[in-house]
Amino acid sequence: MLVVGAGFLGSEVARQAQAGGWSVHAIVRSEATSVELRRHGINVVATDATRPEFWEGLSGLWGGMVWAMAPSREAGGGDFETMHREGAVRAAQWSRRSHVPMIYLSSTSVYAEADGGWVNEESALATDERSRAMIEAEGKTIEAGGTVLRCAGLYGGDRILRNRAEGPERWLNVVNREDAARAVGVALRVRGKTFNVAEDEPLRRGVAGGVWGEGSARMRRSKRVSNAKLKREGWAPVYQAGVKDSTHPTA
């Protein structure tokens, strides 16, 4: 398995795949991020997988490829665009040429819902630049016969959930990175589909009458993400940080 982008989620995908018997090759952008993976005995190469030269020179027999590359939280918009509109699209083109199953790790932030309603994989999509970049990469992945996993906000390990009270009342959808990584195993056997990867219930955030501070860059859309489609394939989250809501859709 080729794991492109072995960061917070990609590294967990690599560890679980290796534990499951895969020979894993991870691609990272810098040597600094490869130390922990090598401790687990995973083959790691530091290179820029967004460039066409990487895919043109890639050879060997592969049973699957996971695109898990994501920019750091400090990265600018240009870096994000390069990763998704260029790198992920080239990965999908290579997947199609090489007949290698591809999993593209996207985000539930692509949904347009802003008023707290439930969304599923058929719901309306947002039109902001970041969402459009991911949606373009999703489309190329599906065209290549791959599978898209739209992941909710990730936590786990040293990334803990905090009860942030600022801002208006809203829903926050989350998933533990161990559960998100396990969804890759499901995606490898279900080709050409899109799935939401989120816990059964979202978290409540904000306060009544709250407003965003001036210059806040936080996501302003509020939605509740249904994981019913993925659960029908046999996946279920082990971790549940959310609150129980009797209006949760079951199908």
C-alpha atoms as a PDB file:
ATOM      1  CA  MET A   1       0.000   0.000   0.000  1.00  0.00           C
ATOM      2  CA  LEU A   2       1.140   3.492  -0.878  1.00  0.00           C
ATOM      3  CA  VAL A   3       0.136   6.116   1.690  1.00  0.00           C
ATOM      4  CA  VAL A   4       0.693   9.624   0.348  1.00  0.00           C
ATOM      5  CA  GLY A   5       0.761  12.105   3.183  1.00  0.00           C
ATOM      6  CA  ALA A   6       1.529  10.278   6.421  1.00  0.00           C
ATOM      7  CA  GLY A   7       0.579  13.028   8.836  1.00  0.00           C
ATOM      8  CA  PHE A   8      -1.968  12.921  11.659  1.00  0.00           C
ATOM      9  CA  LEU A   9      -4.397  10.590   9.857  1.00  0.00           C
ATOM     10  CA  GLY A  10      -2.126   9.112   7.184  1.00  0.00           C
ATOM     11  CA  SER A  11       0.336   7.813   9.759  1.00  0.00           C
ATOM     12  CA  GLU A  12      -2.483   5.953  11.531  1.00  0.00           C
ATOM     13  CA  VAL A  13      -3.627   4.495   8.189  1.00  0.00           C
ATOM     14  CA  ALA A  14      -0.057   3.300   7.605  1.00  0.00           C
ATOM     15  CA  ARG A  15       0.232   1.728  11.071  1.00  0.00           C
ATOM     16  CA  GLN A  16      -3.103  -0.078  10.809  1.00  0.00           C
ATOM     17  CA  ALA A  17      -2.376  -1.297   7.280  1.00  0.00           C
ATOM     18  CA  GLN A  18       0.971  -2.709   8.354  1.00  0.00           C
ATOM     19  CA  ALA A  19      -0.643  -4.393  11.363  1.00  0.00           C
ATOM     20  CA  GLY A  20      -3.129  -5.927   8.920  1.00  0.00           C
ATOM     21  CA  GLY A  21      -0.397  -7.511   6.830  1.00  0.00           C
ATOM     22  CA  TRP A  22       0.208  -4.877   4.153  1.00  0.00           C
ATOM     23  CA  SER A  23       3.668  -3.861   3.025  1.00  0.00           C
ATOM     24  CA  VAL A  24       3.354  -0.109   3.525  1.00  0.00           C
ATOM     25  CA  HIS A  25       5.276   2.660   1.793  1.00  0.00           C
ATOM     26  CA  ALA A  26       4.613   6.135   3.161  1.00  0.00           C
ATOM     27  CA  ILE A  27       5.321   9.415   1.412  1.00  0.00           C
ATOM     28  CA  VAL A  28       5.996  12.515   3.509  1.00  0.00           C
ATOM     29  CA  ARG A  29       7.088  16.025   2.600  1.00  0.00           C
ATOM     30  CA  SER A  30      10.010  16.297   5.009  1.00  0.00           C
ATOM     31  CA  GLU A  31      12.421  14.011   6.839  1.00  0.00           C
ATOM     32  CA  ALA A  32      11.329  15.510  10.158  1.00  0.00           C
ATOM     33  CA  THR A  33       7.960  13.749   9.950  1.00  0.00           C
ATOM     34  CA  SER A  34       9.378  10.330   9.077  1.00  0.00           C
ATOM     35  CA  VAL A  35      11.061   9.429  12.369  1.00  0.00           C
ATOM     36  CA  GLU A  36       8.025   7.976  14.162  1.00  0.00           C
ATOM     37  CA  LEU A  37       6.949   5.939  11.130  1.00  0.00           C
ATOM     38  CA  ARG A  38      10.395   4.372  10.822  1.00  0.00           C
ATOM     39  CA  ARG A  39      10.172   3.368  14.480  1.00  0.00           C
ATOM     40  CA  HIS A  40       7.174   1.254  13.436  1.00  0.00           C
ATOM     41  CA  GLY A  41       9.201  -0.340  10.650  1.00  0.00           C
ATOM     42  CA  ILE A  42       7.356   1.463   7.847  1.00  0.00           C
ATOM     43  CA  ASN A  43       9.221   2.382   4.681  1.00  0.00           C
ATOM     44  CA  VAL A  44       9.220   6.170   4.347  1.00  0.00           C
ATOM     45  CA  VAL A  45      10.344   8.464   1.541  1.00  0.00           C
ATOM     46  CA  ALA A  46      10.479  12.249   1.888  1.00  0.00           C
ATOM     47  CA  THR A  47       9.537  13.854  -1.424  1.00  0.00           C
ATOM     48  CA  ASP A  48       6.971  16.139  -3.059  1.00  0.00           C
ATOM     49  CA  ALA A  49       4.141  13.930  -4.341  1.00  0.00           C
ATOM     50  CA  THR A  50       2.282  16.903  -5.806  1.00  0.00           C
ATOM     51  CA  ARG A  51       4.797  17.112  -8.662  1.00  0.00           C
ATOM     52  CA  PRO A  52       4.208  15.196 -11.915  1.00  0.00           C
ATOM     53  CA  GLU A  53       7.724  13.713 -11.773  1.00  0.00           C
ATOM     54  CA  PHE A  54       6.801  11.661  -8.718  1.00  0.00           C
ATOM     55  CA  TRP A  55       3.939   9.876 -10.452  1.00  0.00           C
ATOM     56  CA  GLU A  56       5.774   9.506 -13.753  1.00  0.00           C
ATOM     57  CA  GLY A  57       8.639   7.731 -11.993  1.00  0.00           C
ATOM     58  CA  LEU A  58       6.531   5.498  -9.738  1.00  0.00           C
ATOM     59  CA  SER A  59       6.825   1.808 -10.548  1.00  0.00           C
ATOM     60  CA  GLY A  60       6.131  -1.525  -8.873  1.00  0.00           C
ATOM     61  CA  LEU A  61       3.044  -3.532  -8.000  1.00  0.00           C
ATOM     62  CA  TRP A  62       0.553  -1.843  -5.684  1.00  0.00           C
ATOM     63  CA  GLY A  63      -2.579  -3.190  -4.030  1.00  0.00           C
ATOM     64  CA  GLY A  64      -3.906   0.215  -3.017  1.00  0.00           C
ATOM     65  CA  MET A  65      -3.078   3.909  -2.694  1.00  0.00           C
ATOM     66  CA  VAL A  66      -4.373   6.328  -0.062  1.00  0.00           C
ATOM     67  CA  TRP A  67      -4.188  10.084  -0.629  1.00  0.00           C
ATOM     68  CA  ALA A  68      -4.038  11.509   2.889  1.00  0.00           C
ATOM     69  CA  MET A  69      -2.035  14.664   2.237  1.00  0.00           C
ATOM     70  CA  ALA A  70      -3.224  17.734   4.095  1.00  0.00           C
ATOM     71  CA  PRO A  71      -1.596  21.132   4.655  1.00  0.00           C
ATOM     72  CA  SER A  72      -0.447  22.241   8.062  1.00  0.00           C
ATOM     73  CA  ARG A  73      -2.801  24.584   9.910  1.00  0.00           C
ATOM     74  CA  GLU A  74      -0.382  27.420   9.161  1.00  0.00           C
ATOM     75  CA  ALA A  75      -0.285  26.705   5.423  1.00  0.00           C
ATOM     76  CA  GLY A  76      -1.641  29.275   3.003  1.00  0.00           C
ATOM     77  CA  GLY A  77      -4.341  28.785   0.417  1.00  0.00           C
ATOM     78  CA  GLY A  78      -1.834  28.169  -2.366  1.00  0.00           C
ATOM     79  CA  ASP A  79      -0.438  25.118  -0.602  1.00  0.00           C
ATOM     80  CA  PHE A  80      -3.953  23.719  -0.179  1.00  0.00           C
ATOM     81  CA  GLU A  81      -4.771  24.278  -3.847  1.00  0.00           C
ATOM     82  CA  THR A  82      -1.545  22.560  -4.934  1.00  0.00           C
ATOM     83  CA  MET A  83      -2.228  19.493  -2.793  1.00  0.00           C
ATOM     84  CA  HIS A  84      -5.789  18.961  -3.988  1.00  0.00           C
ATOM     85  CA  ARG A  85      -6.124  20.476  -7.458  1.00  0.00           C
ATOM     86  CA  GLU A  86      -2.727  19.279  -8.635  1.00  0.00           C
ATOM     87  CA  GLY A  87      -1.358  16.517  -6.412  1.00  0.00           C
ATOM     88  CA  ALA A  88      -4.579  14.586  -5.749  1.00  0.00           C
ATOM     89  CA  VAL A  89      -5.673  14.926  -9.379  1.00  0.00           C
ATOM     90  CA  ARG A  90      -2.336  13.519 -10.590  1.00  0.00           C
ATOM     91  CA  ALA A  91      -2.680  10.688  -8.081  1.00  0.00           C
ATOM     92  CA  ALA A  92      -6.118   9.852  -9.487  1.00  0.00           C
ATOM     93  CA  GLN A  93      -4.767   9.884 -13.045  1.00  0.00           C
ATOM     94  CA  TRP A  94      -1.953   7.509 -12.026  1.00  0.00           C
ATOM     95  CA  SER A  95      -4.486   5.286 -10.232  1.00  0.00           C
ATOM     96  CA  ARG A  96      -6.557   5.039 -13.392  1.00  0.00           C
ATOM     97  CA  ARG A  97      -3.564   4.283 -15.642  1.00  0.00           C
ATOM     98  CA  SER A  98      -2.075   1.766 -13.242  1.00  0.00           C
ATOM     99  CA  HIS A  99      -5.350   0.102 -12.183  1.00  0.00           C
ATOM    100  CA  VAL A 100      -4.526   0.687  -8.513  1.00  0.00           C
ATOM    101  CA  PRO A 101      -7.488   1.260  -6.133  1.00  0.00           C
ATOM    102  CA  MET A 102      -7.357   4.810  -4.749  1.00  0.00           C
ATOM    103  CA  ILE A 103      -8.811   6.176  -1.536  1.00  0.00           C
ATOM    104  CA  TYR A 104      -9.077   9.966  -1.365  1.00  0.00           C
ATOM    105  CA  LEU A 105      -9.417  11.358   2.146  1.00  0.00           C
ATOM    106  CA  SER A 106     -11.620  14.414   1.830  1.00  0.00           C
ATOM    107  CA  SER A 107     -13.556  16.428   4.408  1.00  0.00           C
ATOM    108  CA  THR A 108     -17.153  16.924   5.538  1.00  0.00           C
ATOM    109  CA  SER A 109     -16.445  20.659   5.232  1.00  0.00           C
ATOM    110  CA  VAL A 110     -17.475  20.358   1.553  1.00  0.00           C
ATOM    111  CA  TYR A 111     -21.180  20.455   2.501  1.00  0.00           C
ATOM    112  CA  ALA A 112     -23.076  23.721   2.080  1.00  0.00           C
ATOM    113  CA  GLU A 113     -25.514  23.189   4.998  1.00  0.00           C
ATOM    114  CA  ALA A 114     -25.179  26.052   7.480  1.00  0.00           C
ATOM    115  CA  ASP A 115     -28.323  25.911   9.641  1.00  0.00           C
ATOM    116  CA  GLY A 116     -27.703  22.725  11.611  1.00  0.00           C
ATOM    117  CA  GLY A 117     -29.559  20.259   9.411  1.00  0.00           C
ATOM    118  CA  TRP A 118     -28.531  16.669   8.733  1.00  0.00           C
ATOM    119  CA  VAL A 119     -26.479  15.990   5.592  1.00  0.00           C
ATOM    120  CA  ASN A 120     -25.670  12.801   3.724  1.00  0.00           C
ATOM    121  CA  GLU A 121     -23.514  12.041   0.698  1.00  0.00           C
ATOM    122  CA  GLU A 122     -26.163  13.442  -1.676  1.00  0.00           C
ATOM    123  CA  SER A 123     -26.521  16.807   0.070  1.00  0.00           C
ATOM    124  CA  ALA A 124     -25.672  20.135  -1.563  1.00  0.00           C
ATOM    125  CA  LEU A 125     -21.996  21.064  -1.694  1.00  0.00           C
ATOM    126  CA  ALA A 126     -20.321  24.367  -0.867  1.00  0.00           C
ATOM    127  CA  THR A 127     -18.837  26.691  -3.471  1.00  0.00           C
ATOM    128  CA  ASP A 128     -15.930  28.279  -1.594  1.00  0.00           C
ATOM    129  CA  GLU A 129     -12.483  27.740  -3.109  1.00  0.00           C
ATOM    130  CA  ARG A 130     -11.298  25.133  -0.605  1.00  0.00           C
ATOM    131  CA  SER A 131     -14.434  23.047  -1.018  1.00  0.00           C
ATOM    132  CA  ARG A 132     -14.266  23.306  -4.809  1.00  0.00           C
ATOM    133  CA  ALA A 133     -10.651  22.094  -4.788  1.00  0.00           C
ATOM    134  CA  MET A 134     -11.571  19.006  -2.771  1.00  0.00           C
ATOM    135  CA  ILE A 135     -14.710  18.369  -4.826  1.00  0.00           C
ATOM    136  CA  GLU A 136     -12.628  18.440  -8.021  1.00  0.00           C
ATOM    137  CA  ALA A 137     -10.216  15.872  -6.569  1.00  0.00           C
ATOM    138  CA  GLU A 138     -13.166  13.768  -5.382  1.00  0.00           C
ATOM    139  CA  GLY A 139     -14.581  13.715  -8.905  1.00  0.00           C
ATOM    140  CA  LYS A 140     -11.283  12.596 -10.432  1.00  0.00           C
ATOM    141  CA  THR A 141     -11.028   9.858  -7.806  1.00  0.00           C
ATOM    142  CA  ILE A 142     -14.499   8.521  -8.619  1.00  0.00           C
ATOM    143  CA  GLU A 143     -13.723   8.678 -12.370  1.00  0.00           C
ATOM    144  CA  ALA A 144     -10.665   6.510 -11.671  1.00  0.00           C
ATOM    145  CA  GLY A 145     -12.840   3.934  -9.889  1.00  0.00           C
ATOM    146  CA  GLY A 146     -11.612   5.014  -6.479  1.00  0.00           C
ATOM    147  CA  THR A 147     -13.458   5.784  -3.251  1.00  0.00           C
ATOM    148  CA  VAL A 148     -13.884   9.067  -1.383  1.00  0.00           C
ATOM    149  CA  LEU A 149     -13.980   9.290   2.407  1.00  0.00           C
ATOM    150  CA  ARG A 150     -15.268  12.618   3.713  1.00  0.00           C
ATOM    151  CA  CYS A 151     -13.851  12.786   7.222  1.00  0.00           C
ATOM    152  CA  ALA A 152     -15.231  14.907  10.043  1.00  0.00           C
ATOM    153  CA  GLY A 153     -12.920  16.817  12.380  1.00  0.00           C
ATOM    154  CA  LEU A 154     -10.173  14.530  13.613  1.00  0.00           C
ATOM    155  CA  TYR A 155      -9.052  13.964  17.178  1.00  0.00           C
ATOM    156  CA  GLY A 156      -7.097  11.314  19.066  1.00  0.00           C
ATOM    157  CA  GLY A 157      -3.594  10.816  20.359  1.00  0.00           C
ATOM    158  CA  ASP A 158      -2.303  14.155  21.593  1.00  0.00           C
ATOM    159  CA  ARG A 159      -5.067  16.037  19.742  1.00  0.00           C
ATOM    160  CA  ILE A 160      -7.824  16.319  22.328  1.00  0.00           C
ATOM    161  CA  LEU A 161     -11.317  17.790  22.061  1.00  0.00           C
ATOM    162  CA  ARG A 162     -11.893  21.017  23.931  1.00  0.00           C
ATOM    163  CA  ASN A 163     -15.278  22.475  24.759  1.00  0.00           C
ATOM    164  CA  ARG A 164     -14.925  25.835  23.062  1.00  0.00           C
ATOM    165  CA  ALA A 165     -17.743  28.141  24.151  1.00  0.00           C
ATOM    166  CA  GLU A 166     -17.055  31.087  21.862  1.00  0.00           C
ATOM    167  CA  GLY A 167     -19.113  31.744  18.759  1.00  0.00           C
ATOM    168  CA  PRO A 168     -22.780  31.084  17.930  1.00  0.00           C
ATOM    169  CA  GLU A 169     -24.603  27.853  18.732  1.00  0.00           C
ATOM    170  CA  ARG A 170     -23.597  25.222  16.188  1.00  0.00           C
ATOM    171  CA  TRP A 171     -22.826  21.548  15.579  1.00  0.00           C
ATOM    172  CA  LEU A 172     -19.312  20.134  15.329  1.00  0.00           C
ATOM    173  CA  ASN A 173     -18.848  16.721  13.692  1.00  0.00           C
ATOM    174  CA  VAL A 174     -15.840  14.676  14.779  1.00  0.00           C
ATOM    175  CA  VAL A 175     -14.237  11.263  14.384  1.00  0.00           C
ATOM    176  CA  ASN A 176     -11.323   9.649  16.172  1.00  0.00           C
ATOM    177  CA  ARG A 177      -8.395   9.080  13.831  1.00  0.00           C
ATOM    178  CA  GLU A 178      -8.331   5.347  14.674  1.00  0.00           C
ATOM    179  CA  ASP A 179     -11.922   5.010  13.477  1.00  0.00           C
ATOM    180  CA  ALA A 180     -11.211   7.120  10.388  1.00  0.00           C
ATOM    181  CA  ALA A 181      -8.241   4.924   9.503  1.00  0.00           C
ATOM    182  CA  ARG A 182     -10.356   1.791   9.858  1.00  0.00           C
ATOM    183  CA  ALA A 183     -12.757   3.222   7.279  1.00  0.00           C
ATOM    184  CA  VAL A 184      -9.982   2.907   4.685  1.00  0.00           C
ATOM    185  CA  GLY A 185     -10.231  -0.885   4.940  1.00  0.00           C
ATOM    186  CA  VAL A 186     -13.929  -0.663   4.055  1.00  0.00           C
ATOM    187  CA  ALA A 187     -13.253   1.764   1.211  1.00  0.00           C
ATOM    188  CA  LEU A 188     -10.729  -0.571  -0.419  1.00  0.00           C
ATOM    189  CA  ARG A 189     -13.425  -3.151  -1.063  1.00  0.00           C
ATOM    190  CA  VAL A 190     -16.193  -0.740  -2.141  1.00  0.00           C
ATOM    191  CA  ARG A 191     -15.150   0.986  -5.350  1.00  0.00           C
ATOM    192  CA  GLY A 192     -16.473   4.173  -6.914  1.00  0.00           C
ATOM    193  CA  LYS A 193     -18.455   5.497  -3.944  1.00  0.00           C
ATOM    194  CA  THR A 194     -18.403   8.390  -1.482  1.00  0.00           C
ATOM    195  CA  PHE A 195     -18.831   7.937   2.272  1.00  0.00           C
ATOM    196  CA  ASN A 196     -19.060  10.217   5.288  1.00  0.00           C
ATOM    197  CA  VAL A 197     -16.770   9.246   8.158  1.00  0.00           C
ATOM    198  CA  ALA A 198     -18.136  10.699  11.390  1.00  0.00           C
ATOM    199  CA  GLU A 199     -19.318   9.600  14.805  1.00  0.00           C
ATOM    200  CA  ASP A 200     -23.004   8.838  15.310  1.00  0.00           C
ATOM    201  CA  GLU A 201     -23.718  12.208  16.917  1.00  0.00           C
ATOM    202  CA  PRO A 202     -22.100  15.640  16.605  1.00  0.00           C
ATOM    203  CA  LEU A 203     -20.972  17.889  19.434  1.00  0.00           C
ATOM    204  CA  ARG A 204     -22.751  21.048  20.526  1.00  0.00           C
ATOM    205  CA  ARG A 205     -20.598  24.151  20.463  1.00  0.00           C
ATOM    206  CA  GLY A 206     -21.004  27.884  21.018  1.00  0.00           C
ATOM    207  CA  VAL A 207     -23.434  29.827  23.148  1.00  0.00           C
ATOM    208  CA  ALA A 208     -26.904  31.279  22.637  1.00  0.00           C
ATOM    209  CA  GLY A 209     -26.556  34.696  21.029  1.00  0.00           C
ATOM    210  CA  GLY A 210     -22.830  34.147  20.515  1.00  0.00           C
ATOM    211  CA  VAL A 211     -20.988  35.740  17.614  1.00  0.00           C
ATOM    212  CA  TRP A 212     -17.654  35.150  15.949  1.00  0.00           C
ATOM    213  CA  GLY A 213     -14.863  37.486  16.949  1.00  0.00           C
ATOM    214  CA  GLU A 214     -13.666  39.961  14.344  1.00  0.00           C
ATOM    215  CA  GLY A 215     -11.200  38.304  11.995  1.00  0.00           C
ATOM    216  CA  SER A 216     -12.078  34.772  13.162  1.00  0.00           C
ATOM    217  CA  ALA A 217     -11.102  32.143  10.609  1.00  0.00           C
ATOM    218  CA  ARG A 218     -13.229  29.370  12.134  1.00  0.00           C
ATOM    219  CA  MET A 219     -15.698  27.439  10.004  1.00  0.00           C
ATOM    220  CA  ARG A 220     -19.061  29.169  10.186  1.00  0.00           C
ATOM    221  CA  ARG A 221     -21.236  26.414   8.688  1.00  0.00           C
ATOM    222  CA  SER A 222     -23.257  24.268  11.084  1.00  0.00           C
ATOM    223  CA  LYS A 223     -24.434  20.801  10.088  1.00  0.00           C
ATOM    224  CA  ARG A 224     -24.963  17.279  11.375  1.00  0.00           C
ATOM    225  CA  VAL A 225     -23.309  14.577   9.305  1.00  0.00           C
ATOM    226  CA  SER A 226     -24.948  11.177   8.814  1.00  0.00           C
ATOM    227  CA  ASN A 227     -22.647   8.128   8.744  1.00  0.00           C
ATOM    228  CA  ALA A 228     -25.479   5.720   7.851  1.00  0.00           C
ATOM    229  CA  LYS A 229     -24.139   4.843   4.391  1.00  0.00           C
ATOM    230  CA  LEU A 230     -20.726   3.770   5.712  1.00  0.00           C
ATOM    231  CA  LYS A 231     -22.284   1.862   8.603  1.00  0.00           C
ATOM    232  CA  ARG A 232     -24.283  -0.192   6.116  1.00  0.00           C
ATOM    233  CA  GLU A 233     -20.919  -1.408   4.787  1.00  0.00           C
ATOM    234  CA  GLY A 234     -19.972  -2.754   8.216  1.00  0.00           C
ATOM    235  CA  TRP A 235     -18.044   0.186   9.688  1.00  0.00           C
ATOM    236  CA  ALA A 236     -18.949   1.582  13.101  1.00  0.00           C
ATOM    237  CA  PRO A 237     -17.090   4.103  15.260  1.00  0.00           C
ATOM    238  CA  VAL A 238     -15.541   2.703  18.418  1.00  0.00           C
ATOM    239  CA  TYR A 239     -15.260   6.198  19.906  1.00  0.00           C
ATOM    240  CA  GLN A 240     -18.331   8.344  20.580  1.00  0.00           C
ATOM    241  CA  ALA A 241     -17.711  11.886  21.779  1.00  0.00           C
ATOM    242  CA  GLY A 242     -21.030  13.333  20.612  1.00  0.00           C
ATOM    243  CA  VAL A 243     -24.407  13.772  22.266  1.00  0.00           C
ATOM    244  CA  LYS A 244     -27.471  11.625  21.679  1.00  0.00           C
ATOM    245  CA  ASP A 245     -30.117  13.175  19.405  1.00  0.00           C
ATOM    246  CA  SER A 246     -33.387  11.318  18.865  1.00  0.00           C
ATOM    247  CA  THR A 247     -33.799  12.927  15.414  1.00  0.00           C
ATOM    248  CA  HIS A 248     -30.723  11.151  14.013  1.00  0.00           C
ATOM    249  CA  PRO A 249     -31.550   9.634  10.598  1.00  0.00           C
ATOM    250  CA  THR A 250     -31.031   5.871  10.429  1.00  0.00           C
ATOM    251  CA  ALA A 251     -30.989   5.499   6.645  1.00  0.00           C
END
